[in-house]
Every structure is written in C-alpha cells, then in structure tokens.
Amino acid sequence: MQLSIEDQRLLEDLCRQNGVSYKKVQELLAIEQSFEFKERRTGIYEALKEVLKAKSDS
C-alpha cells in the first residue's frame, strides 16, 4: 500500500502511541488492498489471521 509521507508518519505515531506494530499494520493494509476489487473476498479473514498470529517484530 502506497501512503504519502505525511500519512506514513501519522500511522507510525498512532502505532507507537497505541503499542501496535507498524509493520504488522502495513501488512494488514496490504492484504486488504489485495482483496479490494475482488468480487468475492474469500480467504481474506484467513490471511489477516495469519498476520495477526505471526510473531510481532515491532
């Protein structure tokens, strides 16, 4: 997912303030974007769960 520099900084700040992995949020957004225009979004929940289950490397 391509974010503007301003949006990246805002997302990084929000993640830091809330103790959330910025990299993990980026991965979740990328998955959502990859399913965005599909007529059926079969498999999106499984893909999101895999990212959430993966070890966090902040």
N, C-alpha and C. Protein backbone atom coordinates (compact mmCIF):
# COMPACT_ATOMS: atom_id res chain seq x y z
N MET A 1 0.85 -1.17 0.00
CA MET A 1 0.00 0.00 0.00
C MET A 1 0.89 1.23 0.00
N GLN A 2 0.60 2.14 -0.87
CA GLN A 2 1.39 3.36 -1.01
C GLN A 2 0.72 4.50 -0.23
N LEU A 3 1.37 4.94 0.83
CA LEU A 3 0.88 6.05 1.63
C LEU A 3 1.77 7.26 1.40
N SER A 4 1.19 8.45 1.53
CA SER A 4 2.01 9.66 1.45
C SER A 4 2.93 9.69 2.67
N ILE A 5 3.97 10.46 2.60
CA ILE A 5 4.91 10.57 3.72
C ILE A 5 4.18 11.06 4.97
N GLU A 6 3.30 12.01 4.80
CA GLU A 6 2.52 12.53 5.94
C GLU A 6 1.66 11.44 6.56
N ASP A 7 1.01 10.64 5.71
CA ASP A 7 0.18 9.55 6.22
C ASP A 7 1.03 8.48 6.91
N GLN A 8 2.20 8.18 6.37
CA GLN A 8 3.10 7.22 7.00
C GLN A 8 3.51 7.68 8.39
N ARG A 9 3.87 8.94 8.50
CA ARG A 9 4.28 9.48 9.81
C ARG A 9 3.12 9.43 10.80
N LEU A 10 1.93 9.78 10.35
CA LEU A 10 0.76 9.74 11.21
C LEU A 10 0.48 8.31 11.67
N LEU A 11 0.54 7.37 10.75
CA LEU A 11 0.31 5.97 11.10
C LEU A 11 1.38 5.47 12.07
N GLU A 12 2.63 5.81 11.82
CA GLU A 12 3.72 5.42 12.73
C GLU A 12 3.48 5.99 14.13
N ASP A 13 3.09 7.25 14.22
CA ASP A 13 2.82 7.88 15.51
C ASP A 13 1.67 7.18 16.23
N LEU A 14 0.60 6.91 15.50
CA LEU A 14 -0.55 6.24 16.10
C LEU A 14 -0.19 4.83 16.59
N CYS A 15 0.59 4.11 15.80
CA CYS A 15 1.02 2.77 16.20
C CYS A 15 1.88 2.84 17.46
N ARG A 16 2.82 3.77 17.48
CA ARG A 16 3.70 3.93 18.63
C ARG A 16 2.89 4.28 19.89
N GLN A 17 1.95 5.21 19.76
CA GLN A 17 1.13 5.64 20.90
C GLN A 17 0.27 4.50 21.46
N ASN A 18 -0.11 3.58 20.58
CA ASN A 18 -1.01 2.51 20.99
C ASN A 18 -0.33 1.15 21.14
N GLY A 19 0.99 1.14 21.01
CA GLY A 19 1.74 -0.11 21.20
C GLY A 19 1.44 -1.16 20.16
N VAL A 20 1.24 -0.72 18.93
CA VAL A 20 0.91 -1.63 17.83
C VAL A 20 2.08 -1.63 16.85
N SER A 21 2.38 -2.79 16.30
CA SER A 21 3.46 -2.91 15.33
C SER A 21 3.10 -2.21 14.02
N TYR A 22 3.90 -1.23 13.65
CA TYR A 22 3.69 -0.51 12.39
C TYR A 22 3.79 -1.46 11.20
N LYS A 23 4.77 -2.35 11.24
CA LYS A 23 4.96 -3.30 10.15
C LYS A 23 3.73 -4.21 9.99
N LYS A 24 3.19 -4.64 11.13
CA LYS A 24 2.00 -5.52 11.09
C LYS A 24 0.80 -4.78 10.50
N VAL A 25 0.62 -3.53 10.87
CA VAL A 25 -0.48 -2.73 10.33
C VAL A 25 -0.31 -2.57 8.82
N GLN A 26 0.91 -2.34 8.37
CA GLN A 26 1.17 -2.24 6.93
C GLN A 26 0.81 -3.53 6.22
N GLU A 27 1.16 -4.65 6.82
CA GLU A 27 0.82 -5.95 6.22
C GLU A 27 -0.69 -6.14 6.14
N LEU A 28 -1.40 -5.79 7.19
CA LEU A 28 -2.85 -5.91 7.19
C LEU A 28 -3.48 -5.03 6.11
N LEU A 29 -2.98 -3.81 5.98
CA LEU A 29 -3.50 -2.90 4.95
C LEU A 29 -3.20 -3.43 3.55
N ALA A 30 -2.03 -4.02 3.37
CA ALA A 30 -1.67 -4.58 2.06
C ALA A 30 -2.58 -5.74 1.69
N ILE A 31 -2.90 -6.58 2.67
CA ILE A 31 -3.81 -7.69 2.41
C ILE A 31 -5.18 -7.16 2.03
N GLU A 32 -5.68 -6.21 2.80
CA GLU A 32 -7.00 -5.64 2.49
C GLU A 32 -7.01 -5.06 1.09
N GLN A 33 -5.95 -4.37 0.72
CA GLN A 33 -5.88 -3.77 -0.61
C GLN A 33 -5.85 -4.85 -1.70
N SER A 34 -5.16 -5.95 -1.45
CA SER A 34 -5.09 -7.00 -2.45
C SER A 34 -6.45 -7.66 -2.70
N PHE A 35 -7.35 -7.58 -1.73
CA PHE A 35 -8.69 -8.15 -1.87
C PHE A 35 -9.73 -7.10 -2.26
N GLU A 36 -9.32 -5.84 -2.36
CA GLU A 36 -10.23 -4.72 -2.51
C GLU A 36 -11.22 -4.85 -3.66
N PHE A 37 -10.76 -5.21 -4.83
CA PHE A 37 -11.63 -5.20 -6.00
C PHE A 37 -12.11 -6.60 -6.42
N LYS A 38 -11.88 -7.57 -5.57
CA LYS A 38 -12.37 -8.91 -5.88
C LYS A 38 -13.87 -8.96 -5.62
N GLU A 39 -14.55 -9.67 -6.49
CA GLU A 39 -16.00 -9.81 -6.32
C GLU A 39 -16.31 -10.57 -5.04
N ARG A 40 -15.53 -11.60 -4.78
CA ARG A 40 -15.66 -12.36 -3.52
C ARG A 40 -14.33 -12.27 -2.80
N ARG A 41 -14.39 -11.98 -1.54
CA ARG A 41 -13.17 -11.80 -0.78
C ARG A 41 -12.83 -13.05 0.03
N THR A 42 -13.10 -14.20 -0.58
CA THR A 42 -12.82 -15.47 0.07
C THR A 42 -11.34 -15.56 0.43
N GLY A 43 -11.08 -15.87 1.68
CA GLY A 43 -9.71 -16.05 2.13
C GLY A 43 -9.13 -14.85 2.86
N ILE A 44 -9.82 -13.72 2.85
CA ILE A 44 -9.26 -12.52 3.47
C ILE A 44 -9.11 -12.71 4.98
N TYR A 45 -10.09 -13.32 5.64
CA TYR A 45 -10.01 -13.49 7.09
C TYR A 45 -8.85 -14.40 7.47
N GLU A 46 -8.64 -15.45 6.70
CA GLU A 46 -7.53 -16.35 6.99
C GLU A 46 -6.20 -15.62 6.81
N ALA A 47 -6.08 -14.82 5.77
CA ALA A 47 -4.85 -14.07 5.52
C ALA A 47 -4.59 -13.06 6.64
N LEU A 48 -5.64 -12.39 7.09
CA LEU A 48 -5.49 -11.42 8.18
C LEU A 48 -5.11 -12.13 9.48
N LYS A 49 -5.73 -13.28 9.75
CA LYS A 49 -5.42 -14.04 10.96
C LYS A 49 -3.96 -14.47 10.98
N GLU A 50 -3.43 -14.87 9.84
CA GLU A 50 -2.03 -15.30 9.77
C GLU A 50 -1.09 -14.16 10.16
N VAL A 51 -1.37 -12.95 9.70
CA VAL A 51 -0.54 -11.80 10.06
C VAL A 51 -0.65 -11.53 11.55
N LEU A 52 -1.86 -11.60 12.08
CA LEU A 52 -2.07 -11.32 13.49
C LEU A 52 -1.44 -12.38 14.40
N LYS A 53 -1.40 -13.62 13.93
CA LYS A 53 -0.80 -14.72 14.72
C LYS A 53 0.73 -14.68 14.68
N ALA A 54 1.29 -14.11 13.61
CA ALA A 54 2.74 -14.11 13.45
C ALA A 54 3.40 -13.33 14.58
N LYS A 55 4.59 -13.78 14.93
CA LYS A 55 5.34 -13.10 15.99
C LYS A 55 5.57 -11.64 15.61
N SER A 56 5.31 -10.76 16.55
CA SER A 56 5.49 -9.33 16.32
C SER A 56 6.96 -8.97 16.38
N ASP A 57 7.39 -8.16 15.41
CA ASP A 57 8.77 -7.68 15.40
C ASP A 57 8.80 -6.17 15.32
N SER A 58 7.83 -5.58 16.00
CA SER A 58 7.63 -4.12 16.09
C SER A 58 8.49 -3.44 15.09
